[in-house]
């Protein structure tokens, strides 16, 4: 989860660069500033965190949250009337598999 300032063009470029880095590392956007990535273990997650922490833009607030597969499986998603697609639909459309 992150809060990156985007008041200037330079800040916008840095924020876009960081979001693209997350995508390149296999993260999926859950919300605009919330990205998720399943990993095999806490150690793997911490390795990814250390790698990404080297690229955090100035004046940004970044939080890495670790949850277990069991906790993630208890997620309840609700859609409002005008919501066109949900996370599962996007994953299916892009040919992604949910592994847990």
PDB file of N, CA and C in Angstrom:
ATOM      1  N   UNK A   1       0.865  -1.162   0.000  1.00  0.00           N
ATOM      2  CA  UNK A   1       0.000   0.000   0.000  1.00  0.00           C
ATOM      3  C   UNK A   1       0.907   1.218   0.000  1.00  0.00           C
ATOM      4  N   UNK A   2       0.515   2.241  -0.732  1.00  0.00           N
ATOM      5  CA  UNK A   2       1.405   3.385  -0.776  1.00  0.00           C
ATOM      6  C   UNK A   2       0.663   4.694  -0.973  1.00  0.00           C
ATOM      7  N   UNK A   3       1.340   5.746  -0.562  1.00  0.00           N
ATOM      8  CA  UNK A   3       0.892   7.115  -0.803  1.00  0.00           C
ATOM      9  C   UNK A   3       2.101   7.849  -1.366  1.00  0.00           C
ATOM     10  N   UNK A   4       2.076   8.112  -2.660  1.00  0.00           N
ATOM     11  CA  UNK A   4       3.175   8.790  -3.333  1.00  0.00           C
ATOM     12  C   UNK A   4       2.653  10.127  -3.848  1.00  0.00           C
ATOM     13  N   UNK A   5       3.326  11.228  -3.509  1.00  0.00           N
ATOM     14  CA  UNK A   5       2.850  12.526  -3.981  1.00  0.00           C
ATOM     15  C   UNK A   5       2.906  12.622  -5.505  1.00  0.00           C
ATOM     16  N   UNK A   6       1.910  13.277  -6.089  1.00  0.00           N
ATOM     17  CA  UNK A   6       1.851  13.444  -7.544  1.00  0.00           C
ATOM     18  C   UNK A   6       1.445  14.879  -7.894  1.00  0.00           C
ATOM     19  N   UNK A   7       2.012  15.840  -7.179  1.00  0.00           N
ATOM     20  CA  UNK A   7       1.666  17.248  -7.401  1.00  0.00           C
ATOM     21  C   UNK A   7       2.380  17.841  -8.615  1.00  0.00           C
ATOM     22  N   UNK A   8       3.552  17.325  -8.948  1.00  0.00           N
ATOM     23  CA  UNK A   8       4.310  17.853 -10.081  1.00  0.00           C
ATOM     24  C   UNK A   8       4.503  16.756 -11.119  1.00  0.00           C
ATOM     25  N   UNK A   9       4.933  17.135 -12.323  1.00  0.00           N
ATOM     26  CA  UNK A   9       5.183  16.139 -13.364  1.00  0.00           C
ATOM     27  C   UNK A   9       6.289  15.176 -12.956  1.00  0.00           C
ATOM     28  N   UNK A  10       7.292  15.683 -12.273  1.00  0.00           N
ATOM     29  CA  UNK A  10       8.381  14.815 -11.805  1.00  0.00           C
ATOM     30  C   UNK A  10       7.861  13.786 -10.809  1.00  0.00           C
ATOM     31  N   UNK A  11       7.033  14.225  -9.862  1.00  0.00           N
ATOM     32  CA  UNK A  11       6.454  13.299  -8.887  1.00  0.00           C
ATOM     33  C   UNK A  11       5.552  12.284  -9.584  1.00  0.00           C
ATOM     34  N   UNK A  12       4.799  12.712 -10.577  1.00  0.00           N
ATOM     35  CA  UNK A  12       3.935  11.789 -11.326  1.00  0.00           C
ATOM     36  C   UNK A  12       4.766  10.719 -12.028  1.00  0.00           C
ATOM     37  N   UNK A  13       5.876  11.132 -12.626  1.00  0.00           N
ATOM     38  CA  UNK A  13       6.749  10.161 -13.305  1.00  0.00           C
ATOM     39  C   UNK A  13       7.323   9.154 -12.310  1.00  0.00           C
ATOM     40  N   UNK A  14       7.753   9.638 -11.143  1.00  0.00           N
ATOM     41  CA  UNK A  14       8.310   8.738 -10.125  1.00  0.00           C
ATOM     42  C   UNK A  14       7.250   7.762  -9.614  1.00  0.00           C
ATOM     43  N   UNK A  15       6.035   8.245  -9.419  1.00  0.00           N
ATOM     44  CA  UNK A  15       4.944   7.374  -8.961  1.00  0.00           C
ATOM     45  C   UNK A  15       4.629   6.326 -10.023  1.00  0.00           C
ATOM     46  N   UNK A  16       4.571   6.735 -11.275  1.00  0.00           N
ATOM     47  CA  UNK A  16       4.303   5.797 -12.370  1.00  0.00           C
ATOM     48  C   UNK A  16       5.419   4.775 -12.469  1.00  0.00           C
ATOM     49  N   UNK A  17       6.651   5.213 -12.321  1.00  0.00           N
ATOM     50  CA  UNK A  17       7.796   4.297 -12.366  1.00  0.00           C
ATOM     51  C   UNK A  17       7.693   3.249 -11.253  1.00  0.00           C
ATOM     52  N   UNK A  18       7.297   3.678 -10.051  1.00  0.00           N
ATOM     53  CA  UNK A  18       7.170   2.735  -8.936  1.00  0.00           C
ATOM     54  C   UNK A  18       6.025   1.750  -9.187  1.00  0.00           C
ATOM     55  N   UNK A  19       4.885   2.243  -9.666  1.00  0.00           N
ATOM     56  CA  UNK A  19       3.761   1.336  -9.970  1.00  0.00           C
ATOM     57  C   UNK A  19       4.155   0.333 -11.053  1.00  0.00           C
ATOM     58  N   UNK A  20       4.871   0.784 -12.066  1.00  0.00           N
ATOM     59  CA  UNK A  20       5.320  -0.131 -13.123  1.00  0.00           C
ATOM     60  C   UNK A  20       6.298  -1.163 -12.593  1.00  0.00           C
ATOM     61  N   UNK A  21       7.139  -0.757 -11.640  1.00  0.00           N
ATOM     62  CA  UNK A  21       8.051  -1.707 -11.003  1.00  0.00           C
ATOM     63  C   UNK A  21       7.266  -2.800 -10.285  1.00  0.00           C
ATOM     64  N   UNK A  22       6.208  -2.399  -9.573  1.00  0.00           N
ATOM     65  CA  UNK A  22       5.369  -3.395  -8.895  1.00  0.00           C
ATOM     66  C   UNK A  22       4.786  -4.386  -9.904  1.00  0.00           C
ATOM     67  N   UNK A  23       4.277  -3.879 -11.011  1.00  0.00           N
ATOM     68  CA  UNK A  23       3.710  -4.753 -12.049  1.00  0.00           C
ATOM     69  C   UNK A  23       4.779  -5.672 -12.622  1.00  0.00           C
ATOM     70  N   UNK A  24       5.971  -5.136 -12.872  1.00  0.00           N
ATOM     71  CA  UNK A  24       7.076  -5.949 -13.394  1.00  0.00           C
ATOM     72  C   UNK A  24       7.482  -7.048 -12.421  1.00  0.00           C
ATOM     73  N   UNK A  25       7.288  -6.803 -11.129  1.00  0.00           N
ATOM     74  CA  UNK A  25       7.630  -7.787 -10.093  1.00  0.00           C
ATOM     75  C   UNK A  25       6.495  -8.779  -9.842  1.00  0.00           C
ATOM     76  N   UNK A  26       5.414  -8.687 -10.632  1.00  0.00           N
ATOM     77  CA  UNK A  26       4.339  -9.659 -10.519  1.00  0.00           C
ATOM     78  C   UNK A  26       3.186  -9.256  -9.617  1.00  0.00           C
ATOM     79  N   UNK A  27       3.160  -8.005  -9.186  1.00  0.00           N
ATOM     80  CA  UNK A  27       2.053  -7.535  -8.372  1.00  0.00           C
ATOM     81  C   UNK A  27       0.836  -7.276  -9.252  1.00  0.00           C
ATOM     82  N   UNK A  28      -0.348  -7.329  -8.652  1.00  0.00           N
ATOM     83  CA  UNK A  28      -1.611  -7.044  -9.323  1.00  0.00           C
ATOM     84  C   UNK A  28      -2.261  -5.889  -8.572  1.00  0.00           C
ATOM     85  N   UNK A  29      -2.804  -4.931  -9.310  1.00  0.00           N
ATOM     86  CA  UNK A  29      -3.435  -3.789  -8.673  1.00  0.00           C
ATOM     87  C   UNK A  29      -4.794  -4.192  -8.094  1.00  0.00           C
ATOM     88  N   UNK A  30      -4.946  -4.043  -6.793  1.00  0.00           N
ATOM     89  CA  UNK A  30      -6.225  -4.269  -6.110  1.00  0.00           C
ATOM     90  C   UNK A  30      -7.035  -2.978  -6.095  1.00  0.00           C
ATOM     91  N   UNK A  31      -6.383  -1.880  -5.801  1.00  0.00           N
ATOM     92  CA  UNK A  31      -6.920  -0.523  -5.892  1.00  0.00           C
ATOM     93  C   UNK A  31      -5.782   0.329  -6.424  1.00  0.00           C
ATOM     94  N   UNK A  32      -6.015   1.588  -6.688  1.00  0.00           N
ATOM     95  CA  UNK A  32      -4.993   2.399  -7.328  1.00  0.00           C
ATOM     96  C   UNK A  32      -3.678   2.417  -6.546  1.00  0.00           C
ATOM     97  N   UNK A  33      -3.709   2.480  -5.246  1.00  0.00           N
ATOM     98  CA  UNK A  33      -2.468   2.492  -4.475  1.00  0.00           C
ATOM     99  C   UNK A  33      -2.323   1.266  -3.576  1.00  0.00           C
ATOM    100  N   UNK A  34      -3.007   0.189  -3.941  1.00  0.00           N
ATOM    101  CA  UNK A  34      -2.902  -1.074  -3.205  1.00  0.00           C
ATOM    102  C   UNK A  34      -2.638  -2.185  -4.215  1.00  0.00           C
ATOM    103  N   UNK A  35      -1.478  -2.803  -4.093  1.00  0.00           N
ATOM    104  CA  UNK A  35      -1.085  -3.877  -4.992  1.00  0.00           C
ATOM    105  C   UNK A  35      -0.847  -5.135  -4.169  1.00  0.00           C
ATOM    106  N   UNK A  36      -1.144  -6.297  -4.753  1.00  0.00           N
ATOM    107  CA  UNK A  36      -0.984  -7.559  -4.028  1.00  0.00           C
ATOM    108  C   UNK A  36      -0.156  -8.534  -4.858  1.00  0.00           C
ATOM    109  N   UNK A  37       0.538  -9.423  -4.146  1.00  0.00           N
ATOM    110  CA  UNK A  37       1.312 -10.465  -4.810  1.00  0.00           C
ATOM    111  C   UNK A  37       1.395 -11.672  -3.883  1.00  0.00           C
ATOM    112  N   UNK A  38       0.906 -12.830  -4.318  1.00  0.00           N
ATOM    113  CA  UNK A  38       1.091 -14.030  -3.506  1.00  0.00           C
ATOM    114  C   UNK A  38       2.530 -14.526  -3.633  1.00  0.00           C
ATOM    115  N   UNK A  39       3.109 -14.939  -2.529  1.00  0.00           N
ATOM    116  CA  UNK A  39       4.462 -15.502  -2.514  1.00  0.00           C
ATOM    117  C   UNK A  39       4.447 -16.799  -1.710  1.00  0.00           C
ATOM    118  N   UNK A  40       5.480 -17.616  -1.885  1.00  0.00           N
ATOM    119  CA  UNK A  40       5.518 -18.937  -1.253  1.00  0.00           C
ATOM    120  C   UNK A  40       5.729 -18.896   0.254  1.00  0.00           C
ATOM    121  N   UNK A  41       6.460 -17.882   0.721  1.00  0.00           N
ATOM    122  CA  UNK A  41       6.785 -17.843   2.148  1.00  0.00           C
ATOM    123  C   UNK A  41       7.053 -16.417   2.594  1.00  0.00           C
ATOM    124  N   UNK A  42       7.113 -16.234   3.901  1.00  0.00           N
ATOM    125  CA  UNK A  42       7.436 -14.929   4.466  1.00  0.00           C
ATOM    126  C   UNK A  42       8.822 -14.489   4.013  1.00  0.00           C
ATOM    127  N   UNK A  43       9.772 -15.418   3.974  1.00  0.00           N
ATOM    128  CA  UNK A  43      11.136 -15.077   3.543  1.00  0.00           C
ATOM    129  C   UNK A  43      11.155 -14.533   2.116  1.00  0.00           C
ATOM    130  N   UNK A  44      10.393 -15.150   1.222  1.00  0.00           N
ATOM    131  CA  UNK A  44      10.316 -14.669  -0.157  1.00  0.00           C
ATOM    132  C   UNK A  44       9.698 -13.272  -0.178  1.00  0.00           C
ATOM    133  N   UNK A  45       8.639 -13.075   0.586  1.00  0.00           N
ATOM    134  CA  UNK A  45       7.995 -11.768   0.661  1.00  0.00           C
ATOM    135  C   UNK A  45       8.942 -10.700   1.176  1.00  0.00           C
ATOM    136  N   UNK A  46       9.717 -11.035   2.184  1.00  0.00           N
ATOM    137  CA  UNK A  46      10.672 -10.068   2.733  1.00  0.00           C
ATOM    138  C   UNK A  46      11.791  -9.762   1.751  1.00  0.00           C
ATOM    139  N   UNK A  47      12.184 -10.731   0.948  1.00  0.00           N
ATOM    140  CA  UNK A  47      13.186 -10.496  -0.091  1.00  0.00           C
ATOM    141  C   UNK A  47      12.652  -9.513  -1.126  1.00  0.00           C
ATOM    142  N   UNK A  48      11.398  -9.696  -1.532  1.00  0.00           N
ATOM    143  CA  UNK A  48      10.763  -8.775  -2.477  1.00  0.00           C
ATOM    144  C   UNK A  48      10.674  -7.382  -1.859  1.00  0.00           C
ATOM    145  N   UNK A  49      10.298  -7.308  -0.591  1.00  0.00           N
ATOM    146  CA  UNK A  49      10.189  -6.033   0.113  1.00  0.00           C
ATOM    147  C   UNK A  49      11.527  -5.302   0.128  1.00  0.00           C
ATOM    148  N   UNK A  50      12.597  -6.003   0.464  1.00  0.00           N
ATOM    149  CA  UNK A  50      13.919  -5.370   0.502  1.00  0.00           C
ATOM    150  C   UNK A  50      14.311  -4.839  -0.876  1.00  0.00           C
ATOM    151  N   UNK A  51      14.009  -5.606  -1.915  1.00  0.00           N
ATOM    152  CA  UNK A  51      14.327  -5.180  -3.281  1.00  0.00           C
ATOM    153  C   UNK A  51      13.563  -3.905  -3.634  1.00  0.00           C
ATOM    154  N   UNK A  52      12.251  -3.894  -3.375  1.00  0.00           N
ATOM    155  CA  UNK A  52      11.419  -2.746  -3.723  1.00  0.00           C
ATOM    156  C   UNK A  52      11.734  -1.512  -2.885  1.00  0.00           C
ATOM    157  N   UNK A  53      12.163  -1.719  -1.644  1.00  0.00           N
ATOM    158  CA  UNK A  53      12.413  -0.581  -0.751  1.00  0.00           C
ATOM    159  C   UNK A  53      13.540   0.311  -1.272  1.00  0.00           C
ATOM    160  N   UNK A  54      14.367  -0.195  -2.150  1.00  0.00           N
ATOM    161  CA  UNK A  54      15.457   0.602  -2.728  1.00  0.00           C
ATOM    162  C   UNK A  54      14.948   1.599  -3.772  1.00  0.00           C
ATOM    163  N   UNK A  55      13.693   1.447  -4.203  1.00  0.00           N
ATOM    164  CA  UNK A  55      13.144   2.280  -5.267  1.00  0.00           C
ATOM    165  C   UNK A  55      12.001   3.194  -4.809  1.00  0.00           C
ATOM    166  N   UNK A  56      11.840   3.361  -3.510  1.00  0.00           N
ATOM    167  CA  UNK A  56      10.746   4.173  -2.990  1.00  0.00           C
ATOM    168  C   UNK A  56      11.030   5.650  -3.276  1.00  0.00           C
ATOM    169  N   UNK A  57      10.098   6.330  -3.937  1.00  0.00           N
ATOM    170  CA  UNK A  57      10.303   7.758  -4.237  1.00  0.00           C
ATOM    171  C   UNK A  57      10.364   8.607  -2.960  1.00  0.00           C
ATOM    172  N   UNK A  58      11.065   9.737  -3.057  1.00  0.00           N
ATOM    173  CA  UNK A  58      11.141  10.674  -1.930  1.00  0.00           C
ATOM    174  C   UNK A  58       9.747  11.123  -1.514  1.00  0.00           C
ATOM    175  N   UNK A  59       9.604  11.427  -0.239  1.00  0.00           N
ATOM    176  CA  UNK A  59       8.347  11.939   0.337  1.00  0.00           C
ATOM    177  C   UNK A  59       7.173  10.977   0.174  1.00  0.00           C
ATOM    178  N   UNK A  60       7.466   9.694   0.072  1.00  0.00           N
ATOM    179  CA  UNK A  60       6.419   8.681  -0.096  1.00  0.00           C
ATOM    180  C   UNK A  60       6.252   7.869   1.174  1.00  0.00           C
ATOM    181  N   UNK A  61       5.067   7.316   1.331  1.00  0.00           N
ATOM    182  CA  UNK A  61       4.766   6.422   2.443  1.00  0.00           C
ATOM    183  C   UNK A  61       4.368   5.074   1.855  1.00  0.00           C
ATOM    184  N   UNK A  62       5.178   4.063   2.135  1.00  0.00           N
ATOM    185  CA  UNK A  62       4.959   2.723   1.590  1.00  0.00           C
ATOM    186  C   UNK A  62       4.790   1.750   2.750  1.00  0.00           C
ATOM    187  N   UNK A  63       3.772   0.899   2.692  1.00  0.00           N
ATOM    188  CA  UNK A  63       3.568  -0.137   3.709  1.00  0.00           C
ATOM    189  C   UNK A  63       3.501  -1.496   3.030  1.00  0.00           C
ATOM    190  N   UNK A  64       4.275  -2.439   3.543  1.00  0.00           N
ATOM    191  CA  UNK A  64       4.222  -3.819   3.072  1.00  0.00           C
ATOM    192  C   UNK A  64       3.505  -4.625   4.143  1.00  0.00           C
ATOM    193  N   UNK A  65       2.433  -5.287   3.778  1.00  0.00           N
ATOM    194  CA  UNK A  65       1.612  -6.040   4.712  1.00  0.00           C
ATOM    195  C   UNK A  65       1.668  -7.507   4.318  1.00  0.00           C
ATOM    196  N   UNK A  66       1.991  -8.364   5.267  1.00  0.00           N
ATOM    197  CA  UNK A  66       2.067  -9.800   5.005  1.00  0.00           C
ATOM    198  C   UNK A  66       0.836 -10.473   5.611  1.00  0.00           C
ATOM    199  N   UNK A  67       0.117 -11.234   4.802  1.00  0.00           N
ATOM    200  CA  UNK A  67      -1.013 -12.015   5.310  1.00  0.00           C
ATOM    201  C   UNK A  67      -0.878 -13.441   4.793  1.00  0.00           C
ATOM    202  N   UNK A  68      -1.440 -14.368   5.526  1.00  0.00           N
ATOM    203  CA  UNK A  68      -1.350 -15.777   5.140  1.00  0.00           C
ATOM    204  C   UNK A  68      -2.380 -16.104   4.059  1.00  0.00           C
ATOM    205  N   UNK A  69      -2.177 -17.232   3.394  1.00  0.00           N
ATOM    206  CA  UNK A  69      -3.152 -17.700   2.404  1.00  0.00           C
ATOM    207  C   UNK A  69      -4.532 -17.825   3.038  1.00  0.00           C
ATOM    208  N   UNK A  70      -4.577 -18.374   4.255  1.00  0.00           N
ATOM    209  CA  UNK A  70      -5.852 -18.576   4.927  1.00  0.00           C
ATOM    210  C   UNK A  70      -6.558 -17.242   5.180  1.00  0.00           C
ATOM    211  N   UNK A  71      -5.805 -16.241   5.615  1.00  0.00           N
ATOM    212  CA  UNK A  71      -6.402 -14.922   5.843  1.00  0.00           C
ATOM    213  C   UNK A  71      -6.906 -14.325   4.531  1.00  0.00           C
ATOM    214  N   UNK A  72      -6.126 -14.452   3.464  1.00  0.00           N
ATOM    215  CA  UNK A  72      -6.534 -13.908   2.165  1.00  0.00           C
ATOM    216  C   UNK A  72      -7.792 -14.599   1.648  1.00  0.00           C
ATOM    217  N   UNK A  73      -7.892 -15.893   1.874  1.00  0.00           N
ATOM    218  CA  UNK A  73      -9.066 -16.639   1.410  1.00  0.00           C
ATOM    219  C   UNK A  73     -10.344 -16.211   2.126  1.00  0.00           C
ATOM    220  N   UNK A  74     -10.198 -15.569   3.278  1.00  0.00           N
ATOM    221  CA  UNK A  74     -11.374 -15.090   4.004  1.00  0.00           C
ATOM    222  C   UNK A  74     -11.825 -13.711   3.527  1.00  0.00           C
ATOM    223  N   UNK A  75     -11.182 -13.166   2.499  1.00  0.00           N
ATOM    224  CA  UNK A  75     -11.568 -11.865   1.949  1.00  0.00           C
ATOM    225  C   UNK A  75     -12.974 -11.943   1.378  1.00  0.00           C
ATOM    226  N   UNK A  76     -13.780 -10.955   1.676  1.00  0.00           N
ATOM    227  CA  UNK A  76     -15.122 -10.862   1.113  1.00  0.00           C
ATOM    228  C   UNK A  76     -15.169  -9.637   0.214  1.00  0.00           C
ATOM    229  N   UNK A  77     -15.480  -9.833  -1.059  1.00  0.00           N
ATOM    230  CA  UNK A  77     -15.560  -8.746  -2.027  1.00  0.00           C
ATOM    231  C   UNK A  77     -17.013  -8.467  -2.368  1.00  0.00           C
ATOM    232  N   UNK A  78     -17.385  -7.202  -2.354  1.00  0.00           N
ATOM    233  CA  UNK A  78     -18.736  -6.795  -2.710  1.00  0.00           C
ATOM    234  C   UNK A  78     -18.642  -5.768  -3.831  1.00  0.00           C
ATOM    235  N   UNK A  79     -19.569  -5.830  -4.753  1.00  0.00           N
ATOM    236  CA  UNK A  79     -19.587  -4.915  -5.879  1.00  0.00           C
ATOM    237  C   UNK A  79     -20.833  -4.054  -5.838  1.00  0.00           C
ATOM    238  N   UNK A  80     -20.657  -2.762  -6.113  1.00  0.00           N
ATOM    239  CA  UNK A  80     -21.799  -1.868  -6.216  1.00  0.00           C
ATOM    240  C   UNK A  80     -22.535  -2.098  -7.526  1.00  0.00           C
ATOM    241  N   UNK A  81     -23.708  -1.540  -7.667  1.00  0.00           N
ATOM    242  CA  UNK A  81     -24.552  -1.770  -8.840  1.00  0.00           C
ATOM    243  C   UNK A  81     -23.870  -1.423 -10.154  1.00  0.00           C
ATOM    244  N   UNK A  82     -23.083  -0.365 -10.195  1.00  0.00           N
ATOM    245  CA  UNK A  82     -22.501   0.094 -11.448  1.00  0.00           C
ATOM    246  C   UNK A  82     -21.082  -0.417 -11.699  1.00  0.00           C
ATOM    247  N   UNK A  83     -20.601  -1.309 -10.861  1.00  0.00           N
ATOM    248  CA  UNK A  83     -19.257  -1.849 -11.038  1.00  0.00           C
ATOM    249  C   UNK A  83     -19.279  -2.843 -12.205  1.00  0.00           C
ATOM    250  N   UNK A  84     -18.413  -2.600 -13.194  1.00  0.00           N
ATOM    251  CA  UNK A  84     -18.443  -3.402 -14.415  1.00  0.00           C
ATOM    252  C   UNK A  84     -17.744  -4.748 -14.275  1.00  0.00           C
ATOM    253  N   UNK A  85     -16.662  -4.799 -13.513  1.00  0.00           N
ATOM    254  CA  UNK A  85     -15.953  -6.064 -13.383  1.00  0.00           C
ATOM    255  C   UNK A  85     -15.247  -6.124 -12.042  1.00  0.00           C
ATOM    256  N   UNK A  86     -15.027  -7.327 -11.571  1.00  0.00           N
ATOM    257  CA  UNK A  86     -14.320  -7.484 -10.313  1.00  0.00           C
ATOM    258  C   UNK A  86     -12.961  -8.135 -10.562  1.00  0.00           C
ATOM    259  N   UNK A  87     -12.204  -8.316  -9.501  1.00  0.00           N
ATOM    260  CA  UNK A  87     -10.849  -8.848  -9.603  1.00  0.00           C
ATOM    261  C   UNK A  87     -10.824 -10.216 -10.270  1.00  0.00           C
ATOM    262  N   UNK A  88     -11.770 -11.076  -9.934  1.00  0.00           N
ATOM    263  CA  UNK A  88     -11.798 -12.416 -10.518  1.00  0.00           C
ATOM    264  C   UNK A  88     -12.062 -12.356 -12.023  1.00  0.00           C
ATOM    265  N   UNK A  89     -12.953 -11.463 -12.460  1.00  0.00           N
ATOM    266  CA  UNK A  89     -13.238 -11.303 -13.885  1.00  0.00           C
ATOM    267  C   UNK A  89     -12.001 -10.822 -14.644  1.00  0.00           C
ATOM    268  N   UNK A  90     -11.282  -9.867 -14.062  1.00  0.00           N
ATOM    269  CA  UNK A  90     -10.076  -9.340 -14.700  1.00  0.00           C
ATOM    270  C   UNK A  90      -9.031 -10.437 -14.812  1.00  0.00           C
ATOM    271  N   UNK A  91      -8.843 -11.214 -13.746  1.00  0.00           N
ATOM    272  CA  UNK A  91      -7.874 -12.306 -13.758  1.00  0.00           C
ATOM    273  C   UNK A  91      -8.232 -13.326 -14.832  1.00  0.00           C
ATOM    274  N   UNK A  92      -9.511 -13.675 -14.925  1.00  0.00           N
ATOM    275  CA  UNK A  92      -9.958 -14.654 -15.912  1.00  0.00           C
ATOM    276  C   UNK A  92      -9.743 -14.126 -17.328  1.00  0.00           C
ATOM    277  N   UNK A  93     -10.073 -12.849 -17.554  1.00  0.00           N
ATOM    278  CA  UNK A  93      -9.922 -12.241 -18.869  1.00  0.00           C
ATOM    279  C   UNK A  93      -8.450 -12.225 -19.302  1.00  0.00           C
ATOM    280  N   UNK A  94      -7.540 -12.034 -18.336  1.00  0.00           N
ATOM    281  CA  UNK A  94      -6.119 -11.970 -18.648  1.00  0.00           C
ATOM    282  C   UNK A  94      -5.441 -13.340 -18.607  1.00  0.00           C
ATOM    283  N   UNK A  95      -6.212 -14.383 -18.344  1.00  0.00           N
ATOM    284  CA  UNK A  95      -5.658 -15.735 -18.338  1.00  0.00           C
ATOM    285  C   UNK A  95      -4.831 -16.046 -17.107  1.00  0.00           C
ATOM    286  N   UNK A  96      -5.083 -15.353 -16.002  1.00  0.00           N
ATOM    287  CA  UNK A  96      -4.338 -15.603 -14.769  1.00  0.00           C
ATOM    288  C   UNK A  96      -5.074 -16.623 -13.918  1.00  0.00           C
ATOM    289  N   UNK A  97      -4.307 -17.418 -13.205  1.00  0.00           N
ATOM    290  CA  UNK A  97      -4.882 -18.425 -12.318  1.00  0.00           C
ATOM    291  C   UNK A  97      -4.741 -17.981 -10.873  1.00  0.00           C
ATOM    292  N   UNK A  98      -5.740 -18.272 -10.063  1.00  0.00           N
ATOM    293  CA  UNK A  98      -5.651 -18.061  -8.640  1.00  0.00           C
ATOM    294  C   UNK A  98      -5.125 -19.351  -8.031  1.00  0.00           C
ATOM    295  N   UNK A  99      -3.963 -19.295  -7.392  1.00  0.00           N
ATOM    296  CA  UNK A  99      -3.273 -20.503  -6.937  1.00  0.00           C
ATOM    297  C   UNK A  99      -3.645 -20.953  -5.538  1.00  0.00           C
ATOM    298  N   UNK A 100      -4.409 -20.163  -4.794  1.00  0.00           N
ATOM    299  CA  UNK A 100      -4.802 -20.592  -3.449  1.00  0.00           C
ATOM    300  C   UNK A 100      -6.177 -20.143  -3.121  1.00  0.00           C
TER     301      UNK A 100
END
